Each structure stands twice: as structure tokens, then as C-alpha cells.
């Protein structure tokens, strides 16, 4: 699984011209943050945190500020895919020392700071979403985001803005289900279950509860 934020890290860390050998810390940080993402999205929390700390050790061993900041940003985005909203203090701590414009723009996107957001500096799949101001168009725009991780991030922002309708929640559930990402899947199934309860839809509640049970038993 390679979301575009991680691809940017791979490019930043691994680009090495002239046939030079890529340093171990670069290879390790990329490999470990990928493992972190997979473990986090599958709900293996203890393992995920172990991989994240090891990734930080890799960039820390080379005293790399921008690369360390990006690791924190990836962590915040990955947790937000499961609707864990946080200040992303680790990223901000290093951002004040200097980070890339692209990273700053991405941080503004996921944290809802859209008043100064330059959508042109975002990865291309987010641009239509970030410039849209009509909630009625959200579902159609979200469906066009090909990368499942990026789609879940965009959906999390819609949830943050309290604009998630039944269609958007269903898109989130099926996106997470297709990838086997248990953590966001469980979160969105429970949101669906609560919405079905409020509607008094017992048939939907029964089916959703069965899906929740399947996920919980796999954890």
C-alpha cells in the first residue's frame, strides 16, 4: 500500500543520484513507516507504534528534521483515516524549524485549516475535493479519488465538517472493507449502526451488527 504522502517520503528519502548507495537510515525509515501504516490500518496498535518509533529512530540517527516531521504527518493522516483527530503536535514541533510547502499544505488539509489552503500544492487527487464548497457534490467527488487511503482521508474531513450522509458513510465502509483495513472499517460500521438505530431500521442494524462482529472477532 502506497499512499501519495508516503510516495513523497520515498522520493525524498530515496533519491540518490550518481549511483550512490542509499544509506541504511533512508531504507529503514521508508520500510518501517510502510509497516506502521499497514499495522495501524489493520488495528494492530501495539505493533504499529513499535514500527513508528523505529522509523523515528532511523531518521533521528541521521538528525533529519524534515524527514522526521513527515513521519509524524504520515502518522496523523493514518490515524485520521480511522477518525482519530489530533493536533499532530509531533509534526508541528518540527514544522516550526522548517518543512516543505507541500507538507504544510497537506497538514492544513487534514486539520481543516482551509482558509489559507492552496489546493494547487496538494496531490492532484485532492484538488477537486479541496476546492468544492457544495456538500451535495461531496459523494461524487469522493468516488473519483482512486487511492483508497486518500479517499478515507477526504471522507474523514467530511465527517469533521459534519457533512457525512448515508452515501458517504457507505463509501467509507466499502473502501475500508475492500482493503481489509479493520480499524477504519469498525469505526464507520459503528457510525452506520448508530444511524440505523436512530432511524429505527432493525433490518439494517442486524446486518451491520453482524459485520461489526466479524471485524471484532478478527482483531
C-alpha atoms as a PDB file:
ATOM      1  CA  UNK A   1       0.000   0.000   0.000  1.00  0.00           C
ATOM      2  CA  UNK A   2       1.486   3.286  -1.127  1.00  0.00           C
ATOM      3  CA  UNK A   3      -0.478   6.494  -0.496  1.00  0.00           C
ATOM      4  CA  UNK A   4       0.855   9.626  -2.132  1.00  0.00           C
ATOM      5  CA  UNK A   5       2.167  11.139   1.092  1.00  0.00           C
ATOM      6  CA  UNK A   6       4.259   8.027   1.583  1.00  0.00           C
ATOM      7  CA  UNK A   7       5.359   8.127  -2.056  1.00  0.00           C
ATOM      8  CA  UNK A   8       6.615  11.668  -1.413  1.00  0.00           C
ATOM      9  CA  UNK A   9       8.608  10.384   1.525  1.00  0.00           C
ATOM     10  CA  UNK A  10      10.057   7.602  -0.588  1.00  0.00           C
ATOM     11  CA  UNK A  11      11.149  10.123  -3.221  1.00  0.00           C
ATOM     12  CA  UNK A  12      12.563  12.497  -0.606  1.00  0.00           C
ATOM     13  CA  UNK A  13      14.425   9.819   1.284  1.00  0.00           C
ATOM     14  CA  UNK A  14      15.488   7.509  -1.503  1.00  0.00           C
ATOM     15  CA  UNK A  15      16.502   9.820  -4.334  1.00  0.00           C
ATOM     16  CA  UNK A  16      20.187   9.328  -4.745  1.00  0.00           C
ATOM     17  CA  UNK A  17      21.865  10.313  -7.979  1.00  0.00           C
ATOM     18  CA  UNK A  18      25.170   9.299  -9.433  1.00  0.00           C
ATOM     19  CA  UNK A  19      24.854   5.636  -8.499  1.00  0.00           C
ATOM     20  CA  UNK A  20      25.410   6.341  -4.801  1.00  0.00           C
ATOM     21  CA  UNK A  21      24.421   3.713  -2.271  1.00  0.00           C
ATOM     22  CA  UNK A  22      21.237   4.660  -0.386  1.00  0.00           C
ATOM     23  CA  UNK A  23      22.108   4.973   3.320  1.00  0.00           C
ATOM     24  CA  UNK A  24      20.592   2.449   5.690  1.00  0.00           C
ATOM     25  CA  UNK A  25      18.641   5.071   7.604  1.00  0.00           C
ATOM     26  CA  UNK A  26      16.800   6.055   4.423  1.00  0.00           C
ATOM     27  CA  UNK A  27      15.870   2.499   3.511  1.00  0.00           C
ATOM     28  CA  UNK A  28      14.898   1.698   7.084  1.00  0.00           C
ATOM     29  CA  UNK A  29      12.671   4.737   7.570  1.00  0.00           C
ATOM     30  CA  UNK A  30      10.689   4.055   4.393  1.00  0.00           C
ATOM     31  CA  UNK A  31      10.296   0.347   5.132  1.00  0.00           C
ATOM     32  CA  UNK A  32       9.286   0.933   8.748  1.00  0.00           C
ATOM     33  CA  UNK A  33       6.726   3.669   8.058  1.00  0.00           C
ATOM     34  CA  UNK A  34       5.100   1.422   5.454  1.00  0.00           C
ATOM     35  CA  UNK A  35       4.883  -1.336   8.048  1.00  0.00           C
ATOM     36  CA  UNK A  36       3.474   1.199  10.503  1.00  0.00           C
ATOM     37  CA  UNK A  37       0.690   2.168   8.102  1.00  0.00           C
ATOM     38  CA  UNK A  38      -0.326  -1.412   7.433  1.00  0.00           C
ATOM     39  CA  UNK A  39      -0.362  -2.300  11.123  1.00  0.00           C
ATOM     40  CA  UNK A  40      -2.260   0.860  12.099  1.00  0.00           C
ATOM     41  CA  UNK A  41      -4.983   0.426   9.488  1.00  0.00           C
ATOM     42  CA  UNK A  42      -5.385  -3.243  10.397  1.00  0.00           C
ATOM     43  CA  UNK A  43      -5.825  -2.312  14.059  1.00  0.00           C
ATOM     44  CA  UNK A  44      -2.560  -3.819  15.295  1.00  0.00           C
ATOM     45  CA  UNK A  45      -1.935  -0.822  17.538  1.00  0.00           C
ATOM     46  CA  UNK A  46       0.993  -2.070  19.625  1.00  0.00           C
ATOM     47  CA  UNK A  47       2.869  -3.296  16.569  1.00  0.00           C
ATOM     48  CA  UNK A  48       2.094  -0.067  14.719  1.00  0.00           C
ATOM     49  CA  UNK A  49       3.577   2.090  17.466  1.00  0.00           C
ATOM     50  CA  UNK A  50       6.678  -0.089  17.587  1.00  0.00           C
ATOM     51  CA  UNK A  51       7.238   0.384  13.851  1.00  0.00           C
ATOM     52  CA  UNK A  52       6.634   4.130  14.139  1.00  0.00           C
ATOM     53  CA  UNK A  53       9.175   4.545  16.931  1.00  0.00           C
ATOM     54  CA  UNK A  54      11.698   2.549  14.916  1.00  0.00           C
ATOM     55  CA  UNK A  55      11.074   4.779  11.891  1.00  0.00           C
ATOM     56  CA  UNK A  56      11.717   7.828  14.081  1.00  0.00           C
ATOM     57  CA  UNK A  57      14.922   6.212  15.316  1.00  0.00           C
ATOM     58  CA  UNK A  58      16.033   5.812  11.696  1.00  0.00           C
ATOM     59  CA  UNK A  59      15.597   9.484  10.748  1.00  0.00           C
ATOM     60  CA  UNK A  60      16.783  10.576  14.184  1.00  0.00           C
ATOM     61  CA  UNK A  61      20.033   8.685  13.762  1.00  0.00           C
ATOM     62  CA  UNK A  62      20.795  10.995  10.833  1.00  0.00           C
ATOM     63  CA  UNK A  63      19.426  14.123  12.582  1.00  0.00           C
ATOM     64  CA  UNK A  64      16.958  14.744   9.719  1.00  0.00           C
ATOM     65  CA  UNK A  65      14.352  17.356  10.698  1.00  0.00           C
ATOM     66  CA  UNK A  66      12.161  17.490   7.577  1.00  0.00           C
ATOM     67  CA  UNK A  67      12.067  13.722   7.199  1.00  0.00           C
ATOM     68  CA  UNK A  68      11.172  13.280  10.875  1.00  0.00           C
ATOM     69  CA  UNK A  69       8.400  15.863  10.555  1.00  0.00           C
ATOM     70  CA  UNK A  70       6.946  13.968   7.601  1.00  0.00           C
ATOM     71  CA  UNK A  71       6.892  10.723   9.569  1.00  0.00           C
ATOM     72  CA  UNK A  72       4.741  12.463  12.182  1.00  0.00           C
ATOM     73  CA  UNK A  73       2.489  13.841   9.449  1.00  0.00           C
ATOM     74  CA  UNK A  74       2.036  10.364   7.963  1.00  0.00           C
ATOM     75  CA  UNK A  75       1.135   9.061  11.411  1.00  0.00           C
ATOM     76  CA  UNK A  76      -1.502  11.770  11.920  1.00  0.00           C
ATOM     77  CA  UNK A  77      -3.013  11.149   8.487  1.00  0.00           C
ATOM     78  CA  UNK A  78      -3.084   7.385   9.024  1.00  0.00           C
ATOM     79  CA  UNK A  79      -4.812   7.739  12.381  1.00  0.00           C
ATOM     80  CA  UNK A  80      -7.249  10.250  10.935  1.00  0.00           C
ATOM     81  CA  UNK A  81      -8.322   7.641   8.370  1.00  0.00           C
ATOM     82  CA  UNK A  82      -9.945   5.937  11.384  1.00  0.00           C
ATOM     83  CA  UNK A  83     -11.396   9.260  12.617  1.00  0.00           C
ATOM     84  CA  UNK A  84      -8.758   9.786  15.291  1.00  0.00           C
ATOM     85  CA  UNK A  85      -8.443  13.554  15.127  1.00  0.00           C
ATOM     86  CA  UNK A  86      -5.471  15.107  16.895  1.00  0.00           C
ATOM     87  CA  UNK A  87      -3.367  18.243  16.872  1.00  0.00           C
ATOM     88  CA  UNK A  88      -0.422  16.496  15.192  1.00  0.00           C
ATOM     89  CA  UNK A  89       1.908  18.080  17.719  1.00  0.00           C
ATOM     90  CA  UNK A  90       4.860  15.941  16.616  1.00  0.00           C
ATOM     91  CA  UNK A  91       4.689  17.411  13.124  1.00  0.00           C
ATOM     92  CA  UNK A  92       4.172  20.968  14.390  1.00  0.00           C
ATOM     93  CA  UNK A  93       7.183  20.700  16.694  1.00  0.00           C
ATOM     94  CA  UNK A  94       9.470  20.146  13.724  1.00  0.00           C
ATOM     95  CA  UNK A  95       7.499  22.244  11.230  1.00  0.00           C
ATOM     96  CA  UNK A  96       8.472  25.435  13.050  1.00  0.00           C
ATOM     97  CA  UNK A  97      12.088  24.553  12.255  1.00  0.00           C
ATOM     98  CA  UNK A  98      11.363  24.237   8.558  1.00  0.00           C
ATOM     99  CA  UNK A  99       9.380  21.770   6.461  1.00  0.00           C
ATOM    100  CA  UNK A 100       8.319  21.617   2.823  1.00  0.00           C
ATOM    101  CA  UNK A 101       5.467  23.730   1.460  1.00  0.00           C
ATOM    102  CA  UNK A 102       3.761  20.554   0.251  1.00  0.00           C
ATOM    103  CA  UNK A 103       3.813  19.051   3.730  1.00  0.00           C
ATOM    104  CA  UNK A 104       2.470  22.252   5.250  1.00  0.00           C
ATOM    105  CA  UNK A 105      -0.350  22.313   2.695  1.00  0.00           C
ATOM    106  CA  UNK A 106      -1.219  18.686   3.389  1.00  0.00           C
ATOM    107  CA  UNK A 107      -1.274  19.395   7.118  1.00  0.00           C
ATOM    108  CA  UNK A 108      -3.655  22.297   6.526  1.00  0.00           C
ATOM    109  CA  UNK A 109      -5.903  19.998   4.516  1.00  0.00           C
ATOM    110  CA  UNK A 110      -6.244  17.246   7.108  1.00  0.00           C
ATOM    111  CA  UNK A 111      -6.536  19.650  10.037  1.00  0.00           C
ATOM    112  CA  UNK A 112      -9.343  21.670   8.422  1.00  0.00           C
ATOM    113  CA  UNK A 113      -7.327  24.889   8.058  1.00  0.00           C
ATOM    114  CA  UNK A 114      -8.744  25.654   4.641  1.00  0.00           C
ATOM    115  CA  UNK A 115      -8.801  29.445   4.790  1.00  0.00           C
ATOM    116  CA  UNK A 116      -5.182  29.651   3.584  1.00  0.00           C
ATOM    117  CA  UNK A 117      -5.127  26.385   1.672  1.00  0.00           C
ATOM    118  CA  UNK A 118      -3.529  26.468  -1.775  1.00  0.00           C
ATOM    119  CA  UNK A 119      -5.087  23.443  -3.489  1.00  0.00           C
ATOM    120  CA  UNK A 120      -2.505  23.660  -6.282  1.00  0.00           C
ATOM    121  CA  UNK A 121       0.132  22.415  -3.845  1.00  0.00           C
ATOM    122  CA  UNK A 122      -1.901  19.330  -2.905  1.00  0.00           C
ATOM    123  CA  UNK A 123      -1.571  15.936  -4.583  1.00  0.00           C
ATOM    124  CA  UNK A 124      -3.804  16.019  -7.659  1.00  0.00           C
ATOM    125  CA  UNK A 125      -6.494  13.660  -6.334  1.00  0.00           C
ATOM    126  CA  UNK A 126      -7.362  16.084  -3.513  1.00  0.00           C
ATOM    127  CA  UNK A 127      -7.720  19.250  -5.574  1.00  0.00           C
ATOM    128  CA  UNK A 128     -11.360  18.961  -6.663  1.00  0.00           C
ATOM    129  CA  UNK A 129     -12.317  17.975  -3.139  1.00  0.00           C
ATOM    130  CA  UNK A 130     -10.397  20.840  -1.524  1.00  0.00           C
ATOM    131  CA  UNK A 131     -11.923  23.468  -3.827  1.00  0.00           C
ATOM    132  CA  UNK A 132     -15.504  22.188  -3.547  1.00  0.00           C
ATOM    133  CA  UNK A 133     -17.852  24.194  -1.331  1.00  0.00           C
ATOM    134  CA  UNK A 134     -21.093  22.363  -2.167  1.00  0.00           C
ATOM    135  CA  UNK A 135     -21.759  19.447   0.245  1.00  0.00           C
ATOM    136  CA  UNK A 136     -24.189  17.936  -2.287  1.00  0.00           C
ATOM    137  CA  UNK A 137     -21.228  17.257  -4.590  1.00  0.00           C
ATOM    138  CA  UNK A 138     -19.056  15.571  -1.955  1.00  0.00           C
ATOM    139  CA  UNK A 139     -20.038  11.979  -2.690  1.00  0.00           C
ATOM    140  CA  UNK A 140     -19.409  12.222  -6.429  1.00  0.00           C
ATOM    141  CA  UNK A 141     -16.028  13.865  -5.850  1.00  0.00           C
ATOM    142  CA  UNK A 142     -15.010  11.314  -3.218  1.00  0.00           C
ATOM    143  CA  UNK A 143     -15.915   8.428  -5.517  1.00  0.00           C
ATOM    144  CA  UNK A 144     -13.460   9.761  -8.091  1.00  0.00           C
ATOM    145  CA  UNK A 145     -10.486   9.568  -5.700  1.00  0.00           C
ATOM    146  CA  UNK A 146      -8.761   6.391  -6.873  1.00  0.00           C
ATOM    147  CA  UNK A 147      -6.349   5.860  -3.993  1.00  0.00           C
ATOM    148  CA  UNK A 148      -8.305   4.243  -1.102  1.00  0.00           C
ATOM    149  CA  UNK A 149      -6.163   5.800   1.635  1.00  0.00           C
ATOM    150  CA  UNK A 150      -6.583   9.286   0.171  1.00  0.00           C
ATOM    151  CA  UNK A 151     -10.329   8.660  -0.190  1.00  0.00           C
ATOM    152  CA  UNK A 152     -10.608   7.785   3.502  1.00  0.00           C
ATOM    153  CA  UNK A 153      -8.649  10.899   4.450  1.00  0.00           C
ATOM    154  CA  UNK A 154     -11.023  13.059   2.406  1.00  0.00           C
ATOM    155  CA  UNK A 155     -14.024  11.306   3.958  1.00  0.00           C
ATOM    156  CA  UNK A 156     -12.609  11.951   7.426  1.00  0.00           C
ATOM    157  CA  UNK A 157     -12.573  15.665   6.617  1.00  0.00           C
ATOM    158  CA  UNK A 158     -16.223  15.494   5.535  1.00  0.00           C
ATOM    159  CA  UNK A 159     -17.011  13.829   8.876  1.00  0.00           C
ATOM    160  CA  UNK A 160     -15.050  16.574  10.652  1.00  0.00           C
ATOM    161  CA  UNK A 161     -17.201  19.139   8.849  1.00  0.00           C
ATOM    162  CA  UNK A 162     -20.377  17.230   9.888  1.00  0.00           C
ATOM    163  CA  UNK A 163     -21.382  16.705   6.248  1.00  0.00           C
ATOM    164  CA  UNK A 164     -21.257  12.892   6.050  1.00  0.00           C
ATOM    165  CA  UNK A 165     -24.537  11.427   4.779  1.00  0.00           C
ATOM    166  CA  UNK A 166     -25.507   7.758   4.351  1.00  0.00           C
ATOM    167  CA  UNK A 167     -23.865   7.533   0.921  1.00  0.00           C
ATOM    168  CA  UNK A 168     -20.548   8.843   2.212  1.00  0.00           C
ATOM    169  CA  UNK A 169     -20.570   6.533   5.240  1.00  0.00           C
ATOM    170  CA  UNK A 170     -21.269   3.582   2.949  1.00  0.00           C
ATOM    171  CA  UNK A 171     -18.384   4.629   0.692  1.00  0.00           C
ATOM    172  CA  UNK A 172     -16.075   4.724   3.716  1.00  0.00           C
ATOM    173  CA  UNK A 173     -17.222   1.282   4.872  1.00  0.00           C
ATOM    174  CA  UNK A 174     -16.753  -0.337   1.482  1.00  0.00           C
ATOM    175  CA  UNK A 175     -13.403   1.389   0.898  1.00  0.00           C
ATOM    176  CA  UNK A 176     -12.032   0.053   4.182  1.00  0.00           C
ATOM    177  CA  UNK A 177     -13.669  -3.351   3.641  1.00  0.00           C
ATOM    178  CA  UNK A 178     -12.100  -3.834   0.210  1.00  0.00           C
ATOM    179  CA  UNK A 179      -8.636  -3.227   1.674  1.00  0.00           C
ATOM    180  CA  UNK A 180      -9.153  -5.257   4.852  1.00  0.00           C
ATOM    181  CA  UNK A 181      -8.422  -2.179   6.957  1.00  0.00           C
ATOM    182  CA  UNK A 182     -10.160  -3.261  10.147  1.00  0.00           C
ATOM    183  CA  UNK A 183      -9.649  -0.129  12.226  1.00  0.00           C
ATOM    184  CA  UNK A 184     -11.423   2.408   9.981  1.00  0.00           C
ATOM    185  CA  UNK A 185     -13.924  -0.278   8.928  1.00  0.00           C
ATOM    186  CA  UNK A 186     -15.018  -0.841  12.522  1.00  0.00           C
ATOM    187  CA  UNK A 187     -15.310   2.894  13.188  1.00  0.00           C
ATOM    188  CA  UNK A 188     -17.513   3.515  10.153  1.00  0.00           C
ATOM    189  CA  UNK A 189     -19.645   0.411  10.698  1.00  0.00           C
ATOM    190  CA  UNK A 190     -20.442   1.664  14.194  1.00  0.00           C
ATOM    191  CA  UNK A 191     -21.403   5.052  12.769  1.00  0.00           C
ATOM    192  CA  UNK A 192     -23.701   3.264  10.328  1.00  0.00           C
ATOM    193  CA  UNK A 193     -25.171   1.171  13.132  1.00  0.00           C
ATOM    194  CA  UNK A 194     -25.914   4.271  15.197  1.00  0.00           C
ATOM    195  CA  UNK A 195     -27.569   5.955  12.228  1.00  0.00           C
ATOM    196  CA  UNK A 196     -29.716   2.853  11.565  1.00  0.00           C
ATOM    197  CA  UNK A 197     -30.713   2.819  15.249  1.00  0.00           C
ATOM    198  CA  UNK A 198     -31.823   6.438  15.078  1.00  0.00           C
ATOM    199  CA  UNK A 199     -33.925   5.599  12.034  1.00  0.00           C
ATOM    200  CA  UNK A 200     -35.413   2.547  13.695  1.00  0.00           C
ATOM    201  CA  UNK A 201     -34.197   0.353  10.830  1.00  0.00           C
ATOM    202  CA  UNK A 202     -33.901  -3.009  12.595  1.00  0.00           C
ATOM    203  CA  UNK A 203     -33.013  -4.961   9.430  1.00  0.00           C
ATOM    204  CA  UNK A 204     -30.072  -2.659   8.688  1.00  0.00           C
ATOM    205  CA  UNK A 205     -28.966  -2.786  12.327  1.00  0.00           C
ATOM    206  CA  UNK A 206     -28.929  -6.582  12.276  1.00  0.00           C
ATOM    207  CA  UNK A 207     -26.814  -6.749   9.142  1.00  0.00           C
ATOM    208  CA  UNK A 208     -24.410  -4.038  10.289  1.00  0.00           C
ATOM    209  CA  UNK A 209     -24.068  -5.660  13.718  1.00  0.00           C
ATOM    210  CA  UNK A 210     -23.149  -8.951  12.043  1.00  0.00           C
ATOM    211  CA  UNK A 211     -20.405  -7.183  10.077  1.00  0.00           C
ATOM    212  CA  UNK A 212     -19.130  -5.485  13.251  1.00  0.00           C
ATOM    213  CA  UNK A 213     -18.959  -8.849  14.986  1.00  0.00           C
ATOM    214  CA  UNK A 214     -16.922 -10.318  12.126  1.00  0.00           C
ATOM    215  CA  UNK A 215     -14.387  -7.490  12.347  1.00  0.00           C
ATOM    216  CA  UNK A 216     -14.140  -7.613  16.134  1.00  0.00           C
ATOM    217  CA  UNK A 217     -13.581 -11.379  16.089  1.00  0.00           C
ATOM    218  CA  UNK A 218     -10.713 -10.918  13.632  1.00  0.00           C
ATOM    219  CA  UNK A 219      -8.859  -8.470  15.860  1.00  0.00           C
END
